[in-house]
Amino acid sequence: MCRSIKTLRPPYADEVTEGDVRAAALQYVRKISGFRQPAAHNAEAFDQAVDEIEQATAKLLASLQVRGQNRTA
């Protein structure tokens, strides 16, 4: 588990920004690829992976229902 990725759902996070979701996606791709910054020939694949994971994360967070809390989406 990448320790620098924080939990982005209630009750652990009151307000989650697009920047928070992007940062988590970036940390995930960095961790699994082993690159902090990819070489030029890998930059497109790296950036595309970050974009896709960011979208999947936002979709997941929007669809989660946490028991005991009202859904606000």
PDB file of N, CA and C in Angstrom:
ATOM      1  N   MET A   1       0.848  -1.193   0.000  1.00  0.00           N
ATOM      2  CA  MET A   1       0.000   0.000   0.000  1.00  0.00           C
ATOM      3  C   MET A   1       0.876   1.233   0.000  1.00  0.00           C
ATOM      4  N   CYS A   2       0.519   2.185  -0.780  1.00  0.00           N
ATOM      5  CA  CYS A   2       1.255   3.442  -0.830  1.00  0.00           C
ATOM      6  C   CYS A   2       0.811   4.300   0.357  1.00  0.00           C
ATOM      7  N   ARG A   3       1.684   4.511   1.299  1.00  0.00           N
ATOM      8  CA  ARG A   3       1.332   5.172   2.546  1.00  0.00           C
ATOM      9  C   ARG A   3       0.979   6.638   2.380  1.00  0.00           C
ATOM     10  N   SER A   4       1.401   7.273   1.311  1.00  0.00           N
ATOM     11  CA  SER A   4       1.107   8.694   1.158  1.00  0.00           C
ATOM     12  C   SER A   4      -0.254   8.965   0.515  1.00  0.00           C
ATOM     13  N   ILE A   5      -0.967   7.933   0.136  1.00  0.00           N
ATOM     14  CA  ILE A   5      -2.318   8.108  -0.387  1.00  0.00           C
ATOM     15  C   ILE A   5      -3.268   8.086   0.797  1.00  0.00           C
ATOM     16  N   LYS A   6      -3.996   9.176   0.993  1.00  0.00           N
ATOM     17  CA  LYS A   6      -4.913   9.231   2.130  1.00  0.00           C
ATOM     18  C   LYS A   6      -6.299   8.753   1.718  1.00  0.00           C
ATOM     19  N   THR A   7      -7.062   8.317   2.709  1.00  0.00           N
ATOM     20  CA  THR A   7      -8.430   7.885   2.466  1.00  0.00           C
ATOM     21  C   THR A   7      -9.265   9.095   2.083  1.00  0.00           C
ATOM     22  N   LEU A   8     -10.028   8.978   1.014  1.00  0.00           N
ATOM     23  CA  LEU A   8     -10.767  10.118   0.472  1.00  0.00           C
ATOM     24  C   LEU A   8     -12.279   9.994   0.622  1.00  0.00           C
ATOM     25  N   ARG A   9     -12.739   9.214   1.564  1.00  0.00           N
ATOM     26  CA  ARG A   9     -14.179   9.093   1.768  1.00  0.00           C
ATOM     27  C   ARG A   9     -14.517   9.441   3.213  1.00  0.00           C
ATOM     28  N   PRO A  10     -15.768   9.832   3.433  1.00  0.00           N
ATOM     29  CA  PRO A  10     -16.209  10.098   4.804  1.00  0.00           C
ATOM     30  C   PRO A  10     -16.136   8.809   5.620  1.00  0.00           C
ATOM     31  N   PRO A  11     -15.888   8.849   6.859  1.00  0.00           N
ATOM     32  CA  PRO A  11     -15.672  10.019   7.713  1.00  0.00           C
ATOM     33  C   PRO A  11     -14.221  10.463   7.763  1.00  0.00           C
ATOM     34  N   TYR A  12     -13.361   9.875   6.944  1.00  0.00           N
ATOM     35  CA  TYR A  12     -11.942  10.194   6.979  1.00  0.00           C
ATOM     36  C   TYR A  12     -11.618  11.525   6.310  1.00  0.00           C
ATOM     37  N   ALA A  13     -12.432  11.928   5.371  1.00  0.00           N
ATOM     38  CA  ALA A  13     -12.216  13.190   4.664  1.00  0.00           C
ATOM     39  C   ALA A  13     -13.554  13.914   4.562  1.00  0.00           C
ATOM     40  N   ASP A  14     -13.609  15.125   5.075  1.00  0.00           N
ATOM     41  CA  ASP A  14     -14.848  15.902   5.015  1.00  0.00           C
ATOM     42  C   ASP A  14     -15.078  16.479   3.626  1.00  0.00           C
ATOM     43  N   GLU A  15     -14.032  17.001   3.038  1.00  0.00           N
ATOM     44  CA  GLU A  15     -14.130  17.618   1.716  1.00  0.00           C
ATOM     45  C   GLU A  15     -12.982  17.111   0.853  1.00  0.00           C
ATOM     46  N   VAL A  16     -13.326  16.562  -0.284  1.00  0.00           N
ATOM     47  CA  VAL A  16     -12.323  16.026  -1.206  1.00  0.00           C
ATOM     48  C   VAL A  16     -12.336  16.871  -2.463  1.00  0.00           C
ATOM     49  N   THR A  17     -11.171  17.394  -2.834  1.00  0.00           N
ATOM     50  CA  THR A  17     -11.062  18.222  -4.024  1.00  0.00           C
ATOM     51  C   THR A  17     -10.587  17.381  -5.215  1.00  0.00           C
ATOM     52  N   GLU A  18     -10.724  17.945  -6.398  1.00  0.00           N
ATOM     53  CA  GLU A  18     -10.185  17.288  -7.587  1.00  0.00           C
ATOM     54  C   GLU A  18      -8.677  17.110  -7.449  1.00  0.00           C
ATOM     55  N   GLY A  19      -8.038  18.071  -6.796  1.00  0.00           N
ATOM     56  CA  GLY A  19      -6.593  17.981  -6.563  1.00  0.00           C
ATOM     57  C   GLY A  19      -6.224  16.801  -5.683  1.00  0.00           C
ATOM     58  N   ASP A  20      -7.053  16.507  -4.680  1.00  0.00           N
ATOM     59  CA  ASP A  20      -6.819  15.357  -3.816  1.00  0.00           C
ATOM     60  C   ASP A  20      -6.903  14.061  -4.615  1.00  0.00           C
ATOM     61  N   VAL A  21      -7.909  13.970  -5.477  1.00  0.00           N
ATOM     62  CA  VAL A  21      -8.100  12.775  -6.294  1.00  0.00           C
ATOM     63  C   VAL A  21      -6.940  12.632  -7.278  1.00  0.00           C
ATOM     64  N   ARG A  22      -6.532  13.718  -7.892  1.00  0.00           N
ATOM     65  CA  ARG A  22      -5.410  13.697  -8.837  1.00  0.00           C
ATOM     66  C   ARG A  22      -4.114  13.274  -8.147  1.00  0.00           C
ATOM     67  N   ALA A  23      -3.874  13.823  -6.955  1.00  0.00           N
ATOM     68  CA  ALA A  23      -2.658  13.487  -6.212  1.00  0.00           C
ATOM     69  C   ALA A  23      -2.623  12.002  -5.856  1.00  0.00           C
ATOM     70  N   ALA A  24      -3.765  11.453  -5.474  1.00  0.00           N
ATOM     71  CA  ALA A  24      -3.827  10.028  -5.151  1.00  0.00           C
ATOM     72  C   ALA A  24      -3.546   9.183  -6.393  1.00  0.00           C
ATOM     73  N   ALA A  25      -4.123   9.569  -7.526  1.00  0.00           N
ATOM     74  CA  ALA A  25      -3.893   8.839  -8.774  1.00  0.00           C
ATOM     75  C   ALA A  25      -2.425   8.895  -9.171  1.00  0.00           C
ATOM     76  N   LEU A  26      -1.831  10.055  -9.041  1.00  0.00           N
ATOM     77  CA  LEU A  26      -0.414  10.223  -9.381  1.00  0.00           C
ATOM     78  C   LEU A  26       0.459   9.356  -8.477  1.00  0.00           C
ATOM     79  N   GLN A  27       0.187   9.362  -7.175  1.00  0.00           N
ATOM     80  CA  GLN A  27       0.971   8.543  -6.250  1.00  0.00           C
ATOM     81  C   GLN A  27       0.837   7.059  -6.568  1.00  0.00           C
ATOM     82  N   TYR A  28      -0.360   6.642  -6.927  1.00  0.00           N
ATOM     83  CA  TYR A  28      -0.590   5.247  -7.279  1.00  0.00           C
ATOM     84  C   TYR A  28       0.229   4.850  -8.514  1.00  0.00           C
ATOM     85  N   VAL A  29       0.168   5.661  -9.552  1.00  0.00           N
ATOM     86  CA  VAL A  29       0.906   5.353 -10.782  1.00  0.00           C
ATOM     87  C   VAL A  29       2.408   5.379 -10.522  1.00  0.00           C
ATOM     88  N   ARG A  30       2.868   6.336  -9.734  1.00  0.00           N
ATOM     89  CA  ARG A  30       4.292   6.370  -9.379  1.00  0.00           C
ATOM     90  C   ARG A  30       4.706   5.088  -8.668  1.00  0.00           C
ATOM     91  N   LYS A  31       3.876   4.646  -7.737  1.00  0.00           N
ATOM     92  CA  LYS A  31       4.202   3.460  -6.955  1.00  0.00           C
ATOM     93  C   LYS A  31       4.273   2.220  -7.826  1.00  0.00           C
ATOM     94  N   ILE A  32       3.257   1.983  -8.642  1.00  0.00           N
ATOM     95  CA  ILE A  32       3.242   0.739  -9.408  1.00  0.00           C
ATOM     96  C   ILE A  32       4.204   0.751 -10.590  1.00  0.00           C
ATOM     97  N   SER A  33       4.500   1.954 -11.121  1.00  0.00           N
ATOM     98  CA  SER A  33       5.417   2.012 -12.262  1.00  0.00           C
ATOM     99  C   SER A  33       6.877   2.044 -11.821  1.00  0.00           C
ATOM    100  N   GLY A  34       7.106   2.520 -10.604  1.00  0.00           N
ATOM    101  CA  GLY A  34       8.480   2.664 -10.130  1.00  0.00           C
ATOM    102  C   GLY A  34       9.137   3.940 -10.604  1.00  0.00           C
ATOM    103  N   PHE A  35       8.387   4.818 -11.256  1.00  0.00           N
ATOM    104  CA  PHE A  35       8.920   6.091 -11.751  1.00  0.00           C
ATOM    105  C   PHE A  35       8.327   7.251 -10.972  1.00  0.00           C
ATOM    106  N   ARG A  36       9.174   8.138 -10.495  1.00  0.00           N
ATOM    107  CA  ARG A  36       8.664   9.381  -9.928  1.00  0.00           C
ATOM    108  C   ARG A  36       8.282  10.311 -11.064  1.00  0.00           C
ATOM    109  N   GLN A  37       9.137  10.361 -12.063  1.00  0.00           N
ATOM    110  CA  GLN A  37       8.900  11.130 -13.288  1.00  0.00           C
ATOM    111  C   GLN A  37       9.344  10.245 -14.446  1.00  0.00           C
ATOM    112  N   PRO A  38       8.455   9.883 -15.343  1.00  0.00           N
ATOM    113  CA  PRO A  38       8.837   8.961 -16.417  1.00  0.00           C
ATOM    114  C   PRO A  38       9.734   9.637 -17.454  1.00  0.00           C
ATOM    115  N   ALA A  39      10.481   8.813 -18.145  1.00  0.00           N
ATOM    116  CA  ALA A  39      11.268   9.295 -19.279  1.00  0.00           C
ATOM    117  C   ALA A  39      10.309   9.777 -20.364  1.00  0.00           C
ATOM    118  N   ALA A  40      10.816  10.585 -21.251  1.00  0.00           N
ATOM    119  CA  ALA A  40       9.982  11.181 -22.297  1.00  0.00           C
ATOM    120  C   ALA A  40       9.212  10.126 -23.100  1.00  0.00           C
ATOM    121  N   HIS A  41       9.847   9.000 -23.378  1.00  0.00           N
ATOM    122  CA  HIS A  41       9.172   7.970 -24.181  1.00  0.00           C
ATOM    123  C   HIS A  41       8.073   7.244 -23.404  1.00  0.00           C
ATOM    124  N   ASN A  42       7.996   7.418 -22.093  1.00  0.00           N
ATOM    125  CA  ASN A  42       6.934   6.813 -21.284  1.00  0.00           C
ATOM    126  C   ASN A  42       5.939   7.836 -20.746  1.00  0.00           C
ATOM    127  N   ALA A  43       6.162   9.104 -21.006  1.00  0.00           N
ATOM    128  CA  ALA A  43       5.338  10.164 -20.411  1.00  0.00           C
ATOM    129  C   ALA A  43       3.868  10.057 -20.815  1.00  0.00           C
ATOM    130  N   GLU A  44       3.595   9.768 -22.063  1.00  0.00           N
ATOM    131  CA  GLU A  44       2.205   9.698 -22.522  1.00  0.00           C
ATOM    132  C   GLU A  44       1.456   8.566 -21.814  1.00  0.00           C
ATOM    133  N   ALA A  45       2.066   7.390 -21.730  1.00  0.00           N
ATOM    134  CA  ALA A  45       1.435   6.255 -21.058  1.00  0.00           C
ATOM    135  C   ALA A  45       1.240   6.544 -19.571  1.00  0.00           C
ATOM    136  N   PHE A  46       2.219   7.171 -18.956  1.00  0.00           N
ATOM    137  CA  PHE A  46       2.163   7.531 -17.541  1.00  0.00           C
ATOM    138  C   PHE A  46       1.013   8.511 -17.291  1.00  0.00           C
ATOM    139  N   ASP A  47       0.957   9.563 -18.091  1.00  0.00           N
ATOM    140  CA  ASP A  47      -0.094  10.584 -17.929  1.00  0.00           C
ATOM    141  C   ASP A  47      -1.483  10.017 -18.199  1.00  0.00           C
ATOM    142  N   GLN A  48      -1.593   9.147 -19.184  1.00  0.00           N
ATOM    143  CA  GLN A  48      -2.877   8.519 -19.496  1.00  0.00           C
ATOM    144  C   GLN A  48      -3.337   7.647 -18.330  1.00  0.00           C
ATOM    145  N   ALA A  49      -2.412   6.917 -17.729  1.00  0.00           N
ATOM    146  CA  ALA A  49      -2.762   6.084 -16.573  1.00  0.00           C
ATOM    147  C   ALA A  49      -3.245   6.943 -15.409  1.00  0.00           C
ATOM    148  N   VAL A  50      -2.572   8.059 -15.163  1.00  0.00           N
ATOM    149  CA  VAL A  50      -2.999   8.962 -14.089  1.00  0.00           C
ATOM    150  C   VAL A  50      -4.410   9.474 -14.370  1.00  0.00           C
ATOM    151  N   ASP A  51      -4.666   9.890 -15.599  1.00  0.00           N
ATOM    152  CA  ASP A  51      -5.996  10.392 -15.972  1.00  0.00           C
ATOM    153  C   ASP A  51      -7.080   9.330 -15.756  1.00  0.00           C
ATOM    154  N   GLU A  52      -6.812   8.105 -16.192  1.00  0.00           N
ATOM    155  CA  GLU A  52      -7.799   7.038 -16.080  1.00  0.00           C
ATOM    156  C   GLU A  52      -8.061   6.666 -14.619  1.00  0.00           C
ATOM    157  N   ILE A  53      -7.017   6.621 -13.816  1.00  0.00           N
ATOM    158  CA  ILE A  53      -7.182   6.295 -12.408  1.00  0.00           C
ATOM    159  C   ILE A  53      -7.885   7.425 -11.675  1.00  0.00           C
ATOM    160  N   GLU A  54      -7.596   8.655 -12.054  1.00  0.00           N
ATOM    161  CA  GLU A  54      -8.293   9.804 -11.472  1.00  0.00           C
ATOM    162  C   GLU A  54      -9.797   9.704 -11.754  1.00  0.00           C
ATOM    163  N   GLN A  55     -10.157   9.386 -12.982  1.00  0.00           N
ATOM    164  CA  GLN A  55     -11.572   9.253 -13.350  1.00  0.00           C
ATOM    165  C   GLN A  55     -12.233   8.098 -12.607  1.00  0.00           C
ATOM    166  N   ALA A  56     -11.552   6.976 -12.525  1.00  0.00           N
ATOM    167  CA  ALA A  56     -12.112   5.815 -11.831  1.00  0.00           C
ATOM    168  C   ALA A  56     -12.277   6.106 -10.340  1.00  0.00           C
ATOM    169  N   THR A  57     -11.337   6.819  -9.764  1.00  0.00           N
ATOM    170  CA  THR A  57     -11.414   7.171  -8.350  1.00  0.00           C
ATOM    171  C   THR A  57     -12.581   8.109  -8.090  1.00  0.00           C
ATOM    172  N   ALA A  58     -12.744   9.118  -8.925  1.00  0.00           N
ATOM    173  CA  ALA A  58     -13.859  10.052  -8.771  1.00  0.00           C
ATOM    174  C   ALA A  58     -15.195   9.317  -8.900  1.00  0.00           C
ATOM    175  N   LYS A  59     -15.284   8.398  -9.846  1.00  0.00           N
ATOM    176  CA  LYS A  59     -16.513   7.618 -10.036  1.00  0.00           C
ATOM    177  C   LYS A  59     -16.790   6.758  -8.805  1.00  0.00           C
ATOM    178  N   LEU A  60     -15.765   6.108  -8.295  1.00  0.00           N
ATOM    179  CA  LEU A  60     -15.919   5.291  -7.101  1.00  0.00           C
ATOM    180  C   LEU A  60     -16.401   6.123  -5.915  1.00  0.00           C
ATOM    181  N   LEU A  61     -15.742   7.242  -5.655  1.00  0.00           N
ATOM    182  CA  LEU A  61     -16.107   8.083  -4.517  1.00  0.00           C
ATOM    183  C   LEU A  61     -17.532   8.612  -4.646  1.00  0.00           C
ATOM    184  N   ALA A  62     -17.947   8.927  -5.857  1.00  0.00           N
ATOM    185  CA  ALA A  62     -19.298   9.438  -6.076  1.00  0.00           C
ATOM    186  C   ALA A  62     -20.365   8.370  -5.849  1.00  0.00           C
ATOM    187  N   SER A  63     -19.999   7.110  -6.021  1.00  0.00           N
ATOM    188  CA  SER A  63     -20.990   6.053  -5.905  1.00  0.00           C
ATOM    189  C   SER A  63     -21.002   5.358  -4.545  1.00  0.00           C
ATOM    190  N   LEU A  64     -20.011   5.610  -3.708  1.00  0.00           N
ATOM    191  CA  LEU A  64     -19.971   4.973  -2.390  1.00  0.00           C
ATOM    192  C   LEU A  64     -21.068   5.505  -1.486  1.00  0.00           C
ATOM    193  N   GLN A  65     -21.640   4.607  -0.725  1.00  0.00           N
ATOM    194  CA  GLN A  65     -22.616   4.987   0.287  1.00  0.00           C
ATOM    195  C   GLN A  65     -22.050   4.550   1.632  1.00  0.00           C
ATOM    196  N   VAL A  66     -21.881   5.517   2.519  1.00  0.00           N
ATOM    197  CA  VAL A  66     -21.324   5.237   3.836  1.00  0.00           C
ATOM    198  C   VAL A  66     -22.476   5.149   4.820  1.00  0.00           C
ATOM    199  N   ARG A  67     -22.572   4.044   5.499  1.00  0.00           N
ATOM    200  CA  ARG A  67     -23.667   3.851   6.459  1.00  0.00           C
ATOM    201  C   ARG A  67     -23.623   4.905   7.546  1.00  0.00           C
ATOM    202  N   GLY A  68     -24.805   5.381   7.908  1.00  0.00           N
ATOM    203  CA  GLY A  68     -24.902   6.356   8.984  1.00  0.00           C
ATOM    204  C   GLY A  68     -24.685   7.786   8.540  1.00  0.00           C
ATOM    205  N   GLN A  69     -24.507   8.010   7.236  1.00  0.00           N
ATOM    206  CA  GLN A  69     -24.326   9.364   6.721  1.00  0.00           C
ATOM    207  C   GLN A  69     -25.227   9.559   5.526  1.00  0.00           C
ATOM    208  N   ASN A  70     -25.706  10.790   5.363  1.00  0.00           N
ATOM    209  CA  ASN A  70     -26.537  11.101   4.200  1.00  0.00           C
ATOM    210  C   ASN A  70     -25.685  11.174   2.964  1.00  0.00           C
ATOM    211  N   ARG A  71     -26.204  10.675   1.871  1.00  0.00           N
ATOM    212  CA  ARG A  71     -25.507  10.742   0.579  1.00  0.00           C
ATOM    213  C   ARG A  71     -25.743  12.115  -0.011  1.00  0.00           C
ATOM    214  N   THR A  72     -24.670  12.804  -0.429  1.00  0.00           N
ATOM    215  CA  THR A  72     -24.796  14.190  -0.894  1.00  0.00           C
ATOM    216  C   THR A  72     -24.558  14.340  -2.372  1.00  0.00           C
ATOM    217  N   ALA A  73     -24.624  13.279  -3.125  1.00  0.00           N
ATOM    218  CA  ALA A  73     -24.376  13.392  -4.552  1.00  0.00           C
ATOM    219  C   ALA A  73     -25.635  13.198  -5.347  1.00  0.00           C
TER     220      ALA A  73
END
